Structures are given as structure tokens and as C-alpha cells.
Amino acid sequence: GRGKSAIAHTIASWLKDVGGLGSCFCFSRDRQAERREEKMLTTMSHDLAGRYPAFRRALGRVLAEDPALKTTSDLLQQWQKLILEPLSKAAGSIIGNVVVVIDALDE
């Protein structure tokens, strides 16, 4: 109720315009039934793969080894395998910072 979402969306929009947005994920109290927390990391990895070819290749290798990562409810495993591992393998090919905006995580 204090404008945090407006700030997050403004920053995400600005970063998208200047080409610096890796991913943006927004939670909503109205959409809690969709279990969106289970989609957060898969959405972020999909967005990063679309933006960074080296990340896409590394993610492809991870998913080829374990396709169930796309549907598991184990968020720690998804974080490690869908985000951290591909980012670490692609680090030398990514120029600049990777910015991810997550809004209303407490929802």
C-alpha cells in the first residue's frame, strides 16, 4: 500500500527499455490459487535463456540431464539448477549485470 509495486514496475520497465532487464516476476494476492511460487524460477530461467545465449546453452544441458526440474516443487533445487548453475557456467559470456526484479514476494 506504499507504492512498492509501482516502483518495482517502473524500474523493470526502465531496465527493459535500456536493455538491462534479465527477468521480472510479480506475485499477486488475486492469483494465489495459481501457485505462482512454483512458476517463479522456471519463468526466470526461461527469460534469462531468451536474453543470454550462453545461459540458454547451459540451461539446455541442465534440463537434458534432468527434465523433471521444470515441474518439481523443490524450489531450492530449481534455484541451484535452473538459475545458479547456468549463470555460473555462462558468467564469462555475460557482459554487465544480470538484473531480476521480483515484486510482492511476500504475497
PDB file of N, CA and C in Angstrom:
ATOM      1  N   GLY A   1       0.795  -1.192   0.000  1.00  0.00           N
ATOM      2  CA  GLY A   1       0.000   0.000   0.000  1.00  0.00           C
ATOM      3  C   GLY A   1       0.839   1.258   0.000  1.00  0.00           C
ATOM      4  N   ARG A   2       2.141   1.149  -0.166  1.00  0.00           N
ATOM      5  CA  ARG A   2       3.006   2.328  -0.123  1.00  0.00           C
ATOM      6  C   ARG A   2       3.724   2.584  -1.448  1.00  0.00           C
ATOM      7  N   GLY A   3       3.278   1.915  -2.496  1.00  0.00           N
ATOM      8  CA  GLY A   3       3.846   2.178  -3.815  1.00  0.00           C
ATOM      9  C   GLY A   3       5.035   1.324  -4.196  1.00  0.00           C
ATOM     10  N   LYS A   4       5.323   0.285  -3.418  1.00  0.00           N
ATOM     11  CA  LYS A   4       6.482  -0.560  -3.728  1.00  0.00           C
ATOM     12  C   LYS A   4       6.328  -1.242  -5.085  1.00  0.00           C
ATOM     13  N   SER A   5       5.128  -1.712  -5.390  1.00  0.00           N
ATOM     14  CA  SER A   5       4.911  -2.360  -6.688  1.00  0.00           C
ATOM     15  C   SER A   5       5.081  -1.374  -7.830  1.00  0.00           C
ATOM     16  N   ALA A   6       4.617  -0.169  -7.639  1.00  0.00           N
ATOM     17  CA  ALA A   6       4.777   0.853  -8.675  1.00  0.00           C
ATOM     18  C   ALA A   6       6.259   1.121  -8.928  1.00  0.00           C
ATOM     19  N   ILE A   7       7.045   1.159  -7.871  1.00  0.00           N
ATOM     20  CA  ILE A   7       8.487   1.385  -8.005  1.00  0.00           C
ATOM     21  C   ILE A   7       9.129   0.199  -8.727  1.00  0.00           C
ATOM     22  N   ALA A   8       8.767  -1.020  -8.320  1.00  0.00           N
ATOM     23  CA  ALA A   8       9.333  -2.219  -8.952  1.00  0.00           C
ATOM     24  C   ALA A   8       9.001  -2.258 -10.439  1.00  0.00           C
ATOM     25  N   HIS A   9       7.766  -1.944 -10.780  1.00  0.00           N
ATOM     26  CA  HIS A   9       7.351  -1.973 -12.191  1.00  0.00           C
ATOM     27  C   HIS A   9       8.022  -0.855 -12.988  1.00  0.00           C
ATOM     28  N   THR A  10       8.211   0.300 -12.380  1.00  0.00           N
ATOM     29  CA  THR A  10       8.905   1.404 -13.052  1.00  0.00           C
ATOM     30  C   THR A  10      10.354   1.030 -13.323  1.00  0.00           C
ATOM     31  N   ILE A  11      11.015   0.441 -12.341  1.00  0.00           N
ATOM     32  CA  ILE A  11      12.410   0.023 -12.521  1.00  0.00           C
ATOM     33  C   ILE A  11      12.503  -1.050 -13.601  1.00  0.00           C
ATOM     34  N   ALA A  12      11.606  -2.040 -13.553  1.00  0.00           N
ATOM     35  CA  ALA A  12      11.613  -3.105 -14.557  1.00  0.00           C
ATOM     36  C   ALA A  12      11.380  -2.542 -15.958  1.00  0.00           C
ATOM     37  N   SER A  13      10.456  -1.620 -16.078  1.00  0.00           N
ATOM     38  CA  SER A  13      10.163  -1.008 -17.372  1.00  0.00           C
ATOM     39  C   SER A  13      11.368  -0.234 -17.896  1.00  0.00           C
ATOM     40  N   TRP A  14      11.998   0.529 -17.019  1.00  0.00           N
ATOM     41  CA  TRP A  14      13.181   1.294 -17.417  1.00  0.00           C
ATOM     42  C   TRP A  14      14.306   0.357 -17.843  1.00  0.00           C
ATOM     43  N   LEU A  15      14.545  -0.697 -17.054  1.00  0.00           N
ATOM     44  CA  LEU A  15      15.603  -1.646 -17.398  1.00  0.00           C
ATOM     45  C   LEU A  15      15.311  -2.340 -18.729  1.00  0.00           C
ATOM     46  N   LYS A  16      14.050  -2.659 -18.974  1.00  0.00           N
ATOM     47  CA  LYS A  16      13.680  -3.284 -20.247  1.00  0.00           C
ATOM     48  C   LYS A  16      13.970  -2.335 -21.402  1.00  0.00           C
ATOM     49  N   ASP A  17      13.638  -1.062 -21.226  1.00  0.00           N
ATOM     50  CA  ASP A  17      13.859  -0.066 -22.275  1.00  0.00           C
ATOM     51  C   ASP A  17      15.337   0.116 -22.607  1.00  0.00           C
ATOM     52  N   VAL A  18      16.201   0.021 -21.594  1.00  0.00           N
ATOM     53  CA  VAL A  18      17.636   0.230 -21.827  1.00  0.00           C
ATOM     54  C   VAL A  18      18.379  -1.089 -22.069  1.00  0.00           C
ATOM     55  N   GLY A  19      17.642  -2.197 -22.078  1.00  0.00           N
ATOM     56  CA  GLY A  19      18.249  -3.489 -22.387  1.00  0.00           C
ATOM     57  C   GLY A  19      18.947  -4.161 -21.231  1.00  0.00           C
ATOM     58  N   GLY A  20      18.581  -3.817 -20.015  1.00  0.00           N
ATOM     59  CA  GLY A  20      19.271  -4.407 -18.864  1.00  0.00           C
ATOM     60  C   GLY A  20      18.433  -5.331 -18.005  1.00  0.00           C
ATOM     61  N   LEU A  21      17.225  -5.656 -18.446  1.00  0.00           N
ATOM     62  CA  LEU A  21      16.356  -6.495 -17.623  1.00  0.00           C
ATOM     63  C   LEU A  21      16.545  -7.961 -17.985  1.00  0.00           C
ATOM     64  N   GLY A  22      16.944  -8.755 -16.979  1.00  0.00           N
ATOM     65  CA  GLY A  22      17.067 -10.188 -17.189  1.00  0.00           C
ATOM     66  C   GLY A  22      15.724 -10.874 -17.089  1.00  0.00           C
ATOM     67  N   SER A  23      14.936 -10.493 -16.071  1.00  0.00           N
ATOM     68  CA  SER A  23      13.621 -11.089 -15.860  1.00  0.00           C
ATOM     69  C   SER A  23      12.848 -10.234 -14.862  1.00  0.00           C
ATOM     70  N   CYS A  24      11.537 -10.334 -14.942  1.00  0.00           N
ATOM     71  CA  CYS A  24      10.661  -9.654 -13.989  1.00  0.00           C
ATOM     72  C   CYS A  24       9.544 -10.621 -13.629  1.00  0.00           C
ATOM     73  N   PHE A  25       9.337 -10.827 -12.348  1.00  0.00           N
ATOM     74  CA  PHE A  25       8.291 -11.739 -11.892  1.00  0.00           C
ATOM     75  C   PHE A  25       7.507 -11.049 -10.789  1.00  0.00           C
ATOM     76  N   CYS A  26       6.200 -11.030 -10.935  1.00  0.00           N
ATOM     77  CA  CYS A  26       5.352 -10.330  -9.971  1.00  0.00           C
ATOM     78  C   CYS A  26       4.332 -11.279  -9.373  1.00  0.00           C
ATOM     79  N   PHE A  27       4.280 -11.279  -8.066  1.00  0.00           N
ATOM     80  CA  PHE A  27       3.263 -12.051  -7.366  1.00  0.00           C
ATOM     81  C   PHE A  27       2.031 -11.181  -7.184  1.00  0.00           C
ATOM     82  N   SER A  28       0.886 -11.829  -6.984  1.00  0.00           N
ATOM     83  CA  SER A  28      -0.359 -11.098  -6.791  1.00  0.00           C
ATOM     84  C   SER A  28      -1.242 -11.857  -5.822  1.00  0.00           C
ATOM     85  N   ARG A  29      -1.784 -11.156  -4.877  1.00  0.00           N
ATOM     86  CA  ARG A  29      -2.703 -11.759  -3.924  1.00  0.00           C
ATOM     87  C   ARG A  29      -3.926 -12.329  -4.643  1.00  0.00           C
ATOM     88  N   ASP A  30      -4.336 -11.683  -5.736  1.00  0.00           N
ATOM     89  CA  ASP A  30      -5.510 -12.119  -6.500  1.00  0.00           C
ATOM     90  C   ASP A  30      -5.290 -13.448  -7.220  1.00  0.00           C
ATOM     91  N   ARG A  31      -4.031 -13.838  -7.413  1.00  0.00           N
ATOM     92  CA  ARG A  31      -3.738 -15.031  -8.207  1.00  0.00           C
ATOM     93  C   ARG A  31      -3.067 -16.130  -7.384  1.00  0.00           C
ATOM     94  N   GLN A  32      -3.294 -16.152  -6.077  1.00  0.00           N
ATOM     95  CA  GLN A  32      -2.649 -17.135  -5.212  1.00  0.00           C
ATOM     96  C   GLN A  32      -3.035 -18.567  -5.559  1.00  0.00           C
ATOM     97  N   ALA A  33      -4.223 -18.785  -6.064  1.00  0.00           N
ATOM     98  CA  ALA A  33      -4.678 -20.139  -6.390  1.00  0.00           C
ATOM     99  C   ALA A  33      -3.844 -20.766  -7.510  1.00  0.00           C
ATOM    100  N   GLU A  34      -3.143 -19.945  -8.293  1.00  0.00           N
ATOM    101  CA  GLU A  34      -2.336 -20.462  -9.396  1.00  0.00           C
ATOM    102  C   GLU A  34      -1.008 -21.050  -8.939  1.00  0.00           C
ATOM    103  N   ARG A  35      -0.692 -20.953  -7.643  1.00  0.00           N
ATOM    104  CA  ARG A  35       0.574 -21.466  -7.102  1.00  0.00           C
ATOM    105  C   ARG A  35       1.749 -20.877  -7.876  1.00  0.00           C
ATOM    106  N   ARG A  36       1.747 -19.577  -8.030  1.00  0.00           N
ATOM    107  CA  ARG A  36       2.754 -18.904  -8.842  1.00  0.00           C
ATOM    108  C   ARG A  36       4.173 -19.052  -8.306  1.00  0.00           C
ATOM    109  N   GLU A  37       4.332 -19.342  -7.014  1.00  0.00           N
ATOM    110  CA  GLU A  37       5.692 -19.519  -6.496  1.00  0.00           C
ATOM    111  C   GLU A  37       6.382 -20.697  -7.175  1.00  0.00           C
ATOM    112  N   GLU A  38       5.597 -21.675  -7.612  1.00  0.00           N
ATOM    113  CA  GLU A  38       6.175 -22.822  -8.302  1.00  0.00           C
ATOM    114  C   GLU A  38       6.601 -22.469  -9.730  1.00  0.00           C
ATOM    115  N   LYS A  39       6.136 -21.360 -10.239  1.00  0.00           N
ATOM    116  CA  LYS A  39       6.469 -20.940 -11.605  1.00  0.00           C
ATOM    117  C   LYS A  39       7.559 -19.877 -11.643  1.00  0.00           C
ATOM    118  N   MET A  40       7.900 -19.317 -10.486  1.00  0.00           N
ATOM    119  CA  MET A  40       8.829 -18.195 -10.450  1.00  0.00           C
ATOM    120  C   MET A  40      10.177 -18.536 -11.076  1.00  0.00           C
ATOM    121  N   LEU A  41      10.823 -19.591 -10.625  1.00  0.00           N
ATOM    122  CA  LEU A  41      12.170 -19.886 -11.095  1.00  0.00           C
ATOM    123  C   LEU A  41      12.198 -20.414 -12.522  1.00  0.00           C
ATOM    124  N   THR A  42      11.163 -21.148 -12.923  1.00  0.00           N
ATOM    125  CA  THR A  42      11.114 -21.604 -14.319  1.00  0.00           C
ATOM    126  C   THR A  42      10.897 -20.416 -15.254  1.00  0.00           C
ATOM    127  N   THR A  43      10.075 -19.473 -14.819  1.00  0.00           N
ATOM    128  CA  THR A  43       9.853 -18.263 -15.624  1.00  0.00           C
ATOM    129  C   THR A  43      11.128 -17.440 -15.723  1.00  0.00           C
ATOM    130  N   MET A  44      11.812 -17.268 -14.593  1.00  0.00           N
ATOM    131  CA  MET A  44      13.057 -16.502 -14.597  1.00  0.00           C
ATOM    132  C   MET A  44      14.108 -17.168 -15.488  1.00  0.00           C
ATOM    133  N   SER A  45      14.248 -18.494 -15.389  1.00  0.00           N
ATOM    134  CA  SER A  45      15.254 -19.174 -16.218  1.00  0.00           C
ATOM    135  C   SER A  45      14.885 -19.076 -17.700  1.00  0.00           C
ATOM    136  N   HIS A  46      13.607 -19.158 -18.006  1.00  0.00           N
ATOM    137  CA  HIS A  46      13.147 -19.005 -19.394  1.00  0.00           C
ATOM    138  C   HIS A  46      13.491 -17.612 -19.921  1.00  0.00           C
ATOM    139  N   ASP A  47      13.217 -16.594 -19.106  1.00  0.00           N
ATOM    140  CA  ASP A  47      13.526 -15.217 -19.510  1.00  0.00           C
ATOM    141  C   ASP A  47      15.023 -15.017 -19.718  1.00  0.00           C
ATOM    142  N   LEU A  48      15.831 -15.531 -18.797  1.00  0.00           N
ATOM    143  CA  LEU A  48      17.284 -15.380 -18.903  1.00  0.00           C
ATOM    144  C   LEU A  48      17.814 -16.133 -20.127  1.00  0.00           C
ATOM    145  N   ALA A  49      17.236 -17.291 -20.412  1.00  0.00           N
ATOM    146  CA  ALA A  49      17.652 -18.054 -21.588  1.00  0.00           C
ATOM    147  C   ALA A  49      17.332 -17.297 -22.878  1.00  0.00           C
ATOM    148  N   GLY A  50      16.229 -16.573 -22.877  1.00  0.00           N
ATOM    149  CA  GLY A  50      15.872 -15.785 -24.045  1.00  0.00           C
ATOM    150  C   GLY A  50      16.776 -14.592 -24.253  1.00  0.00           C
ATOM    151  N   ARG A  51      17.402 -14.132 -23.205  1.00  0.00           N
ATOM    152  CA  ARG A  51      18.245 -12.933 -23.277  1.00  0.00           C
ATOM    153  C   ARG A  51      19.730 -13.242 -23.468  1.00  0.00           C
ATOM    154  N   TYR A  52      20.182 -14.349 -22.893  1.00  0.00           N
ATOM    155  CA  TYR A  52      21.617 -14.663 -22.888  1.00  0.00           C
ATOM    156  C   TYR A  52      21.854 -16.040 -23.523  1.00  0.00           C
ATOM    157  N   PRO A  53      22.411 -16.093 -24.730  1.00  0.00           N
ATOM    158  CA  PRO A  53      22.634 -17.372 -25.417  1.00  0.00           C
ATOM    159  C   PRO A  53      23.487 -18.365 -24.605  1.00  0.00           C
ATOM    160  N   ALA A  54      24.510 -17.884 -23.917  1.00  0.00           N
ATOM    161  CA  ALA A  54      25.353 -18.792 -23.129  1.00  0.00           C
ATOM    162  C   ALA A  54      24.556 -19.401 -21.971  1.00  0.00           C
ATOM    163  N   PHE A  55      23.680 -18.617 -21.375  1.00  0.00           N
ATOM    164  CA  PHE A  55      22.806 -19.139 -20.317  1.00  0.00           C
ATOM    165  C   PHE A  55      21.872 -20.186 -20.907  1.00  0.00           C
ATOM    166  N   ARG A  56      21.333 -19.901 -22.099  1.00  0.00           N
ATOM    167  CA  ARG A  56      20.413 -20.835 -22.756  1.00  0.00           C
ATOM    168  C   ARG A  56      21.086 -22.183 -23.011  1.00  0.00           C
ATOM    169  N   ARG A  57      22.325 -22.150 -23.478  1.00  0.00           N
ATOM    170  CA  ARG A  57      23.046 -23.401 -23.738  1.00  0.00           C
ATOM    171  C   ARG A  57      23.292 -24.167 -22.437  1.00  0.00           C
ATOM    172  N   ALA A  58      23.720 -23.453 -21.397  1.00  0.00           N
ATOM    173  CA  ALA A  58      23.978 -24.103 -20.105  1.00  0.00           C
ATOM    174  C   ALA A  58      22.689 -24.663 -19.505  1.00  0.00           C
ATOM    175  N   LEU A  59      21.609 -23.918 -19.610  1.00  0.00           N
ATOM    176  CA  LEU A  59      20.317 -24.384 -19.107  1.00  0.00           C
ATOM    177  C   LEU A  59      19.854 -25.612 -19.892  1.00  0.00           C
ATOM    178  N   GLY A  60      20.059 -25.603 -21.187  1.00  0.00           N
ATOM    179  CA  GLY A  60      19.689 -26.750 -22.015  1.00  0.00           C
ATOM    180  C   GLY A  60      20.398 -28.017 -21.566  1.00  0.00           C
ATOM    181  N   ARG A  61      21.676 -27.887 -21.223  1.00  0.00           N
ATOM    182  CA  ARG A  61      22.423 -29.055 -20.740  1.00  0.00           C
ATOM    183  C   ARG A  61      21.867 -29.546 -19.409  1.00  0.00           C
ATOM    184  N   VAL A  62      21.542 -28.622 -18.514  1.00  0.00           N
ATOM    185  CA  VAL A  62      20.972 -28.990 -17.208  1.00  0.00           C
ATOM    186  C   VAL A  62      19.652 -29.718 -17.398  1.00  0.00           C
ATOM    187  N   LEU A  63      18.790 -29.183 -18.253  1.00  0.00           N
ATOM    188  CA  LEU A  63      17.468 -29.793 -18.467  1.00  0.00           C
ATOM    189  C   LEU A  63      17.553 -31.112 -19.228  1.00  0.00           C
ATOM    190  N   ALA A  64      18.560 -31.268 -20.073  1.00  0.00           N
ATOM    191  CA  ALA A  64      18.740 -32.544 -20.765  1.00  0.00           C
ATOM    192  C   ALA A  64      19.085 -33.644 -19.771  1.00  0.00           C
ATOM    193  N   GLU A  65      19.841 -33.287 -18.731  1.00  0.00           N
ATOM    194  CA  GLU A  65      20.206 -34.248 -17.692  1.00  0.00           C
ATOM    195  C   GLU A  65      19.042 -34.562 -16.765  1.00  0.00           C
ATOM    196  N   ASP A  66      18.186 -33.560 -16.522  1.00  0.00           N
ATOM    197  CA  ASP A  66      17.083 -33.751 -15.570  1.00  0.00           C
ATOM    198  C   ASP A  66      15.859 -32.928 -15.979  1.00  0.00           C
ATOM    199  N   PRO A  67      15.055 -33.422 -16.927  1.00  0.00           N
ATOM    200  CA  PRO A  67      13.881 -32.680 -17.406  1.00  0.00           C
ATOM    201  C   PRO A  67      12.840 -32.415 -16.315  1.00  0.00           C
ATOM    202  N   ALA A  68      12.848 -33.204 -15.247  1.00  0.00           N
ATOM    203  CA  ALA A  68      11.871 -33.036 -14.170  1.00  0.00           C
ATOM    204  C   ALA A  68      12.066 -31.727 -13.408  1.00  0.00           C
ATOM    205  N   LEU A  69      13.183 -31.069 -13.603  1.00  0.00           N
ATOM    206  CA  LEU A  69      13.419 -29.785 -12.929  1.00  0.00           C
ATOM    207  C   LEU A  69      12.358 -28.752 -13.291  1.00  0.00           C
ATOM    208  N   LYS A  70      11.786 -28.881 -14.478  1.00  0.00           N
ATOM    209  CA  LYS A  70      10.775 -27.914 -14.925  1.00  0.00           C
ATOM    210  C   LYS A  70       9.498 -28.003 -14.109  1.00  0.00           C
ATOM    211  N   THR A  71       9.237 -29.141 -13.503  1.00  0.00           N
ATOM    212  CA  THR A  71       7.959 -29.327 -12.812  1.00  0.00           C
ATOM    213  C   THR A  71       8.095 -29.657 -11.331  1.00  0.00           C
ATOM    214  N   THR A  72       9.300 -29.778 -10.825  1.00  0.00           N
ATOM    215  CA  THR A  72       9.469 -30.110  -9.411  1.00  0.00           C
ATOM    216  C   THR A  72       8.986 -28.956  -8.522  1.00  0.00           C
ATOM    217  N   SER A  73       8.524 -29.285  -7.343  1.00  0.00           N
ATOM    218  CA  SER A  73       8.127 -28.241  -6.398  1.00  0.00           C
ATOM    219  C   SER A  73       9.272 -27.905  -5.443  1.00  0.00           C
ATOM    220  N   ASP A  74      10.441 -28.494  -5.665  1.00  0.00           N
ATOM    221  CA  ASP A  74      11.620 -28.243  -4.839  1.00  0.00           C
ATOM    222  C   ASP A  74      12.289 -26.948  -5.314  1.00  0.00           C
ATOM    223  N   LEU A  75      11.942 -25.845  -4.655  1.00  0.00           N
ATOM    224  CA  LEU A  75      12.436 -24.531  -5.088  1.00  0.00           C
ATOM    225  C   LEU A  75      13.940 -24.393  -4.916  1.00  0.00           C
ATOM    226  N   LEU A  76      14.506 -25.003  -3.888  1.00  0.00           N
ATOM    227  CA  LEU A  76      15.953 -24.930  -3.699  1.00  0.00           C
ATOM    228  C   LEU A  76      16.680 -25.622  -4.858  1.00  0.00           C
ATOM    229  N   GLN A  77      16.191 -26.781  -5.249  1.00  0.00           N
ATOM    230  CA  GLN A  77      16.793 -27.489  -6.371  1.00  0.00           C
ATOM    231  C   GLN A  77      16.647 -26.675  -7.659  1.00  0.00           C
ATOM    232  N   GLN A  78      15.467 -26.090  -7.883  1.00  0.00           N
ATOM    233  CA  GLN A  78      15.283 -25.252  -9.071  1.00  0.00           C
ATOM    234  C   GLN A  78      16.224 -24.052  -9.039  1.00  0.00           C
ATOM    235  N   TRP A  79      16.355 -23.403  -7.888  1.00  0.00           N
ATOM    236  CA  TRP A  79      17.243 -22.249  -7.761  1.00  0.00           C
ATOM    237  C   TRP A  79      18.665 -22.634  -8.139  1.00  0.00           C
ATOM    238  N   GLN A  80      19.134 -23.741  -7.591  1.00  0.00           N
ATOM    239  CA  GLN A  80      20.507 -24.167  -7.845  1.00  0.00           C
ATOM    240  C   GLN A  80      20.720 -24.599  -9.292  1.00  0.00           C
ATOM    241  N   LYS A  81      19.783 -25.374  -9.838  1.00  0.00           N
ATOM    242  CA  LYS A  81      19.976 -25.972 -11.159  1.00  0.00           C
ATOM    243  C   LYS A  81      19.489 -25.105 -12.327  1.00  0.00           C
ATOM    244  N   LEU A  82      18.404 -24.352 -12.109  1.00  0.00           N
ATOM    245  CA  LEU A  82      17.848 -23.559 -13.211  1.00  0.00           C
ATOM    246  C   LEU A  82      18.387 -22.136 -13.265  1.00  0.00           C
ATOM    247  N   ILE A  83      18.950 -21.660 -12.154  1.00  0.00           N
ATOM    248  CA  ILE A  83      19.455 -20.281 -12.120  1.00  0.00           C
ATOM    249  C   ILE A  83      20.967 -20.248 -11.859  1.00  0.00           C
ATOM    250  N   LEU A  84      21.381 -20.716 -10.680  1.00  0.00           N
ATOM    251  CA  LEU A  84      22.788 -20.574 -10.296  1.00  0.00           C
ATOM    252  C   LEU A  84      23.753 -21.326 -11.209  1.00  0.00           C
ATOM    253  N   GLU A  85      23.466 -22.583 -11.491  1.00  0.00           N
ATOM    254  CA  GLU A  85      24.387 -23.379 -12.306  1.00  0.00           C
ATOM    255  C   GLU A  85      24.548 -22.806 -13.716  1.00  0.00           C
ATOM    256  N   PRO A  86      23.449 -22.519 -14.425  1.00  0.00           N
ATOM    257  CA  PRO A  86      23.640 -21.928 -15.760  1.00  0.00           C
ATOM    258  C   PRO A  86      24.303 -20.546 -15.715  1.00  0.00           C
ATOM    259  N   LEU A  87      23.988 -19.744 -14.710  1.00  0.00           N
ATOM    260  CA  LEU A  87      24.631 -18.424 -14.602  1.00  0.00           C
ATOM    261  C   LEU A  87      26.129 -18.563 -14.384  1.00  0.00           C
ATOM    262  N   SER A  88      26.525 -19.489 -13.518  1.00  0.00           N
ATOM    263  CA  SER A  88      27.957 -19.648 -13.255  1.00  0.00           C
ATOM    264  C   SER A  88      28.685 -20.154 -14.500  1.00  0.00           C
ATOM    265  N   LYS A  89      28.054 -21.022 -15.276  1.00  0.00           N
ATOM    266  CA  LYS A  89      28.683 -21.528 -16.499  1.00  0.00           C
ATOM    267  C   LYS A  89      28.720 -20.477 -17.602  1.00  0.00           C
ATOM    268  N   ALA A  90      27.777 -19.542 -17.574  1.00  0.00           N
ATOM    269  CA  ALA A  90      27.702 -18.509 -18.613  1.00  0.00           C
ATOM    270  C   ALA A  90      28.364 -17.200 -18.198  1.00  0.00           C
ATOM    271  N   ALA A  91      28.884 -17.135 -16.999  1.00  0.00           N
ATOM    272  CA  ALA A  91      29.380 -15.873 -16.434  1.00  0.00           C
ATOM    273  C   ALA A  91      30.367 -15.149 -17.346  1.00  0.00           C
ATOM    274  N   GLY A  92      31.268 -15.852 -17.971  1.00  0.00           N
ATOM    275  CA  GLY A  92      32.261 -15.208 -18.830  1.00  0.00           C
ATOM    276  C   GLY A  92      31.679 -14.624 -20.103  1.00  0.00           C
ATOM    277  N   SER A  93      30.490 -15.062 -20.481  1.00  0.00           N
ATOM    278  CA  SER A  93      29.870 -14.605 -21.717  1.00  0.00           C
ATOM    279  C   SER A  93      28.854 -13.497 -21.515  1.00  0.00           C
ATOM    280  N   ILE A  94      28.510 -13.226 -20.263  1.00  0.00           N
ATOM    281  CA  ILE A  94      27.508 -12.198 -19.969  1.00  0.00           C
ATOM    282  C   ILE A  94      28.231 -10.914 -19.594  1.00  0.00           C
ATOM    283  N   ILE A  95      27.963  -9.868 -20.352  1.00  0.00           N
ATOM    284  CA  ILE A  95      28.588  -8.570 -20.104  1.00  0.00           C
ATOM    285  C   ILE A  95      27.636  -7.725 -19.275  1.00  0.00           C
ATOM    286  N   GLY A  96      28.134  -7.169 -18.202  1.00  0.00           N
ATOM    287  CA  GLY A  96      27.317  -6.333 -17.328  1.00  0.00           C
ATOM    288  C   GLY A  96      26.605  -7.159 -16.277  1.00  0.00           C
ATOM    289  N   ASN A  97      25.666  -6.520 -15.621  1.00  0.00           N
ATOM    290  CA  ASN A  97      24.923  -7.161 -14.548  1.00  0.00           C
ATOM    291  C   ASN A  97      23.669  -7.850 -15.079  1.00  0.00           C
ATOM    292  N   VAL A  98      23.266  -8.894 -14.380  1.00  0.00           N
ATOM    293  CA  VAL A  98      22.001  -9.554 -14.671  1.00  0.00           C
ATOM    294  C   VAL A  98      21.019  -9.071 -13.606  1.00  0.00           C
ATOM    295  N   VAL A  99      20.006  -8.323 -14.037  1.00  0.00           N
ATOM    296  CA  VAL A  99      19.039  -7.762 -13.097  1.00  0.00           C
ATOM    297  C   VAL A  99      17.729  -8.527 -13.204  1.00  0.00           C
ATOM    298  N   VAL A 100      17.263  -9.003 -12.048  1.00  0.00           N
ATOM    299  CA  VAL A 100      15.991  -9.697 -11.954  1.00  0.00           C
ATOM    300  C   VAL A 100      15.139  -8.930 -10.946  1.00  0.00           C
ATOM    301  N   VAL A 101      13.939  -8.566 -11.342  1.00  0.00           N
ATOM    302  CA  VAL A 101      13.019  -7.845 -10.463  1.00  0.00           C
ATOM    303  C   VAL A 101      11.934  -8.822 -10.024  1.00  0.00           C
ATOM    304  N   ILE A 102      11.782  -8.955  -8.712  1.00  0.00           N
ATOM    305  CA  ILE A 102      10.702  -9.782  -8.153  1.00  0.00           C
ATOM    306  C   ILE A 102       9.861  -8.876  -7.283  1.00  0.00           C
ATOM    307  N   ASP A 103       8.591  -8.790  -7.621  1.00  0.00           N
ATOM    308  CA  ASP A 103       7.677  -7.919  -6.887  1.00  0.00           C
ATOM    309  C   ASP A 103       6.700  -8.741  -6.060  1.00  0.00           C
ATOM    310  N   ALA A 104       6.445  -8.295  -4.853  1.00  0.00           N
ATOM    311  CA  ALA A 104       5.434  -8.859  -3.956  1.00  0.00           C
ATOM    312  C   ALA A 104       5.731 -10.306  -3.597  1.00  0.00           C
ATOM    313  N   LEU A 105       6.996 -10.608  -3.350  1.00  0.00           N
ATOM    314  CA  LEU A 105       7.394 -11.949  -2.957  1.00  0.00           C
ATOM    315  C   LEU A 105       6.670 -12.395  -1.678  1.00  0.00           C
ATOM    316  N   ASP A 106       6.328 -11.462  -0.849  1.00  0.00           N
ATOM    317  CA  ASP A 106       5.625 -11.801   0.413  1.00  0.00           C
ATOM    318  C   ASP A 106       4.169 -12.163   0.201  1.00  0.00           C
ATOM    319  N   GLU A 107       3.654 -12.026  -1.026  1.00  0.00           N
ATOM    320  CA  GLU A 107       2.278 -12.403  -1.301  1.00  0.00           C
ATOM    321  C   GLU A 107       2.179 -13.911  -1.372  1.00  0.00           C
TER     322      GLU A 107
END
